[in-house]
Amino acid sequence: MDSETREKIKKTVRELLEEADMNEMTEYKIRQLASKRLELDLSESKCKAYVRHVVNAFLEEQKAKQEEEEEEEATGDDSNNNNNEFDDDGDLIICRLSDKRRVTLQDFRGKTLISIREYYKKDGKELPSSKGISLTEEQWSTLRKNIPNIEKAVTKMESHTM
């Protein structure tokens, strides 16, 4: 594949990724859309590999930007920390995944834990159920490092179901 074609593919794939809902998009869909837009057959193994390379490079850039933004937020001024939400036990609620599920940061027996858990209401209080997981900082770090591998596995699994 010549350098002009590679550049067209790269530009088109990146444009599609910028426009895409990343929760719904797969590498296969990107390749199909790029193939249509460029009127090129991108199903050959060399083309597939190149599209995969462009997608991975884009995702790495996005990840780096997100980490940079998170770091800026963490090291930024503390005025936005007044917006933190705490549960009835005093644990910091990082985010709510749904009405009943949330991610919290808690101190348990001197250890910091990241909990992803379901909650239930009793006597007007929201209490944690046994449905969930609590991770130590080390376990959380391991999970974070493996998110790209998990995403690849999910993408691969999704592409097999198409």
Protein backbone atom coordinates (compact mmCIF):
# COMPACT_ATOMS: atom_id res chain seq x y z
CA MET A 1 0.00 0.00 0.00
CA ASP A 2 1.46 3.36 -1.02
CA SER A 3 2.01 6.22 1.43
CA GLU A 4 -0.77 8.36 -0.11
CA THR A 5 -3.33 5.59 0.45
CA ARG A 6 -2.04 5.01 3.99
CA GLU A 7 -2.45 8.72 4.75
CA LYS A 8 -6.03 8.73 3.36
CA ILE A 9 -6.91 5.68 5.45
CA LYS A 10 -5.35 7.20 8.56
CA LYS A 11 -7.17 10.52 8.09
CA THR A 12 -10.52 8.83 7.44
CA VAL A 13 -10.24 6.38 10.34
CA ARG A 14 -9.29 9.18 12.74
CA GLU A 15 -12.23 11.32 11.52
CA LEU A 16 -14.59 8.40 12.06
CA LEU A 17 -13.20 7.78 15.54
CA GLU A 18 -13.60 11.46 16.45
CA GLU A 19 -17.27 11.33 15.41
CA ALA A 20 -18.01 7.90 16.90
CA ASP A 21 -19.78 6.91 20.08
CA MET A 22 -16.90 4.98 21.59
CA ASN A 23 -19.28 2.86 23.67
CA GLU A 24 -20.87 1.49 20.51
CA MET A 25 -18.03 1.53 17.97
CA THR A 26 -15.84 -1.45 17.13
CA GLU A 27 -12.75 -1.76 14.98
CA TYR A 28 -14.76 -3.79 12.50
CA LYS A 29 -17.40 -1.04 12.17
CA ILE A 30 -14.70 1.61 11.73
CA ARG A 31 -13.06 -0.45 8.99
CA GLN A 32 -16.42 -0.94 7.23
CA LEU A 33 -17.27 2.77 7.40
CA ALA A 34 -13.80 3.78 6.21
CA SER A 35 -14.01 1.25 3.40
CA LYS A 36 -17.32 2.78 2.25
CA ARG A 37 -16.14 6.36 2.60
CA LEU A 38 -12.88 5.72 0.71
CA GLU A 39 -14.41 3.25 -1.73
CA LEU A 40 -11.55 0.86 -0.92
CA ASP A 41 -11.55 -2.77 0.14
CA LEU A 42 -9.99 -2.70 3.61
CA SER A 43 -10.66 -6.36 4.36
CA GLU A 44 -7.19 -7.52 3.26
CA SER A 45 -4.94 -8.49 6.15
CA LYS A 46 -2.47 -5.64 5.49
CA CYS A 47 -5.30 -3.11 5.51
CA LYS A 48 -6.87 -4.64 8.61
CA ALA A 49 -3.53 -4.45 10.41
CA TYR A 50 -3.04 -0.82 9.41
CA VAL A 51 -6.55 0.19 10.49
CA ARG A 52 -5.98 -1.63 13.80
CA HIS A 53 -2.72 0.31 14.23
CA VAL A 54 -4.47 3.66 13.59
CA VAL A 55 -7.32 2.77 15.97
CA ASN A 56 -4.90 1.70 18.72
CA ALA A 57 -2.81 4.85 18.28
CA PHE A 58 -5.96 6.97 18.53
CA LEU A 59 -7.12 5.13 21.66
CA GLU A 60 -3.71 5.53 23.29
CA GLU A 61 -3.80 9.27 22.57
CA GLN A 62 -7.28 9.53 24.07
CA LYS A 63 -6.18 7.58 27.12
CA ALA A 64 -3.15 9.85 27.59
CA LYS A 65 -5.35 12.95 27.26
CA GLN A 66 -7.81 11.56 29.81
CA GLU A 67 -5.04 10.70 32.27
CA GLU A 68 -3.56 14.16 31.80
CA GLU A 69 -6.95 15.77 32.48
CA GLU A 70 -7.47 13.58 35.54
CA GLU A 71 -4.03 14.50 36.82
CA GLU A 72 -4.75 18.18 36.28
CA GLU A 73 -8.01 17.81 38.19
CA ALA A 74 -6.24 15.99 41.01
CA THR A 75 -3.49 18.58 41.29
CA GLY A 76 -5.73 21.56 40.51
CA ASP A 77 -7.15 23.86 43.14
CA ASP A 78 -9.29 22.25 45.82
CA SER A 79 -12.29 24.52 45.29
CA ASN A 80 -14.12 21.78 43.36
CA ASN A 81 -13.63 19.31 46.22
CA ASN A 82 -16.57 20.97 47.98
CA ASN A 83 -18.78 19.14 45.46
CA ASN A 84 -17.74 15.71 46.74
CA GLU A 85 -20.57 13.44 47.75
CA PHE A 86 -20.35 11.07 50.70
CA ASP A 87 -22.57 8.16 51.65
CA ASP A 88 -24.14 7.52 55.07
CA ASP A 89 -20.93 5.78 56.26
CA GLY A 90 -18.80 8.77 55.26
CA ASP A 91 -17.28 7.03 52.23
CA LEU A 92 -16.51 9.18 49.20
CA ILE A 93 -18.84 8.44 46.28
CA ILE A 94 -16.71 8.57 43.15
CA CYS A 95 -19.61 7.98 40.78
CA ARG A 96 -23.07 6.46 40.55
CA LEU A 97 -23.31 3.74 37.92
CA SER A 98 -27.09 3.46 38.34
CA ASP A 99 -29.77 4.06 40.97
CA LYS A 100 -28.48 1.17 43.04
CA ARG A 101 -24.83 0.84 42.02
CA ARG A 102 -21.94 3.13 42.84
CA VAL A 103 -18.20 3.35 43.07
CA THR A 104 -16.88 4.50 46.44
CA LEU A 105 -13.54 5.10 48.08
CA GLN A 106 -13.44 3.92 51.65
CA ASP A 107 -11.08 3.28 54.52
CA PHE A 108 -11.52 -0.21 55.97
CA ARG A 109 -9.29 -1.39 58.81
CA GLY A 110 -6.60 1.06 57.77
CA LYS A 111 -6.67 0.09 54.09
CA THR A 112 -8.02 2.21 51.26
CA LEU A 113 -10.52 0.28 49.16
CA ILE A 114 -12.24 1.05 45.89
CA SER A 115 -15.70 -0.52 46.05
CA ILE A 116 -18.10 -1.18 43.21
CA ARG A 117 -21.26 -2.25 44.93
CA GLU A 118 -25.05 -2.39 44.93
CA TYR A 119 -26.90 -0.47 47.63
CA TYR A 120 -30.35 -0.94 49.14
CA LYS A 121 -32.57 1.30 51.25
CA LYS A 122 -33.51 0.48 54.82
CA ASP A 123 -35.10 2.88 57.29
CA GLY A 124 -34.37 5.79 54.94
CA LYS A 125 -30.66 4.96 54.71
CA GLU A 126 -28.79 3.64 51.69
CA LEU A 127 -26.71 0.66 52.80
CA PRO A 128 -24.12 -1.42 50.90
CA SER A 129 -25.17 -4.95 49.97
CA SER A 130 -22.96 -8.00 49.64
CA LYS A 131 -23.33 -7.72 45.85
CA GLY A 132 -20.13 -6.08 44.71
CA ILE A 133 -16.40 -6.05 44.99
CA SER A 134 -13.87 -4.10 47.02
CA LEU A 135 -10.37 -3.73 45.62
CA THR A 136 -7.18 -2.74 47.39
CA GLU A 137 -5.08 -0.02 45.78
CA GLU A 138 -2.79 -2.71 44.34
CA GLN A 139 -5.71 -4.66 42.86
CA TRP A 140 -7.21 -1.45 41.47
CA SER A 141 -3.88 -0.58 39.85
CA THR A 142 -3.68 -4.04 38.26
CA LEU A 143 -7.23 -3.71 36.93
CA ARG A 144 -6.52 -0.24 35.49
CA LYS A 145 -3.39 -1.47 33.74
CA ASN A 146 -5.37 -4.30 32.16
CA ILE A 147 -8.33 -2.22 30.93
CA PRO A 148 -6.91 -2.13 27.35
CA ASN A 149 -6.66 -5.94 27.38
CA ILE A 150 -10.21 -6.23 28.68
CA GLU A 151 -11.46 -3.81 26.01
CA LYS A 152 -9.63 -5.79 23.30
CA ALA A 153 -11.21 -9.03 24.52
CA VAL A 154 -14.67 -7.46 24.55
CA THR A 155 -14.14 -6.02 21.07
CA LYS A 156 -12.94 -9.40 19.80
CA MET A 157 -15.94 -11.10 21.38
CA GLU A 158 -18.31 -8.50 19.84
CA SER A 159 -16.78 -8.99 16.39
CA HIS A 160 -17.37 -12.74 16.62
CA THR A 161 -21.05 -12.21 17.33
CA MET A 162 -21.58 -10.10 14.19
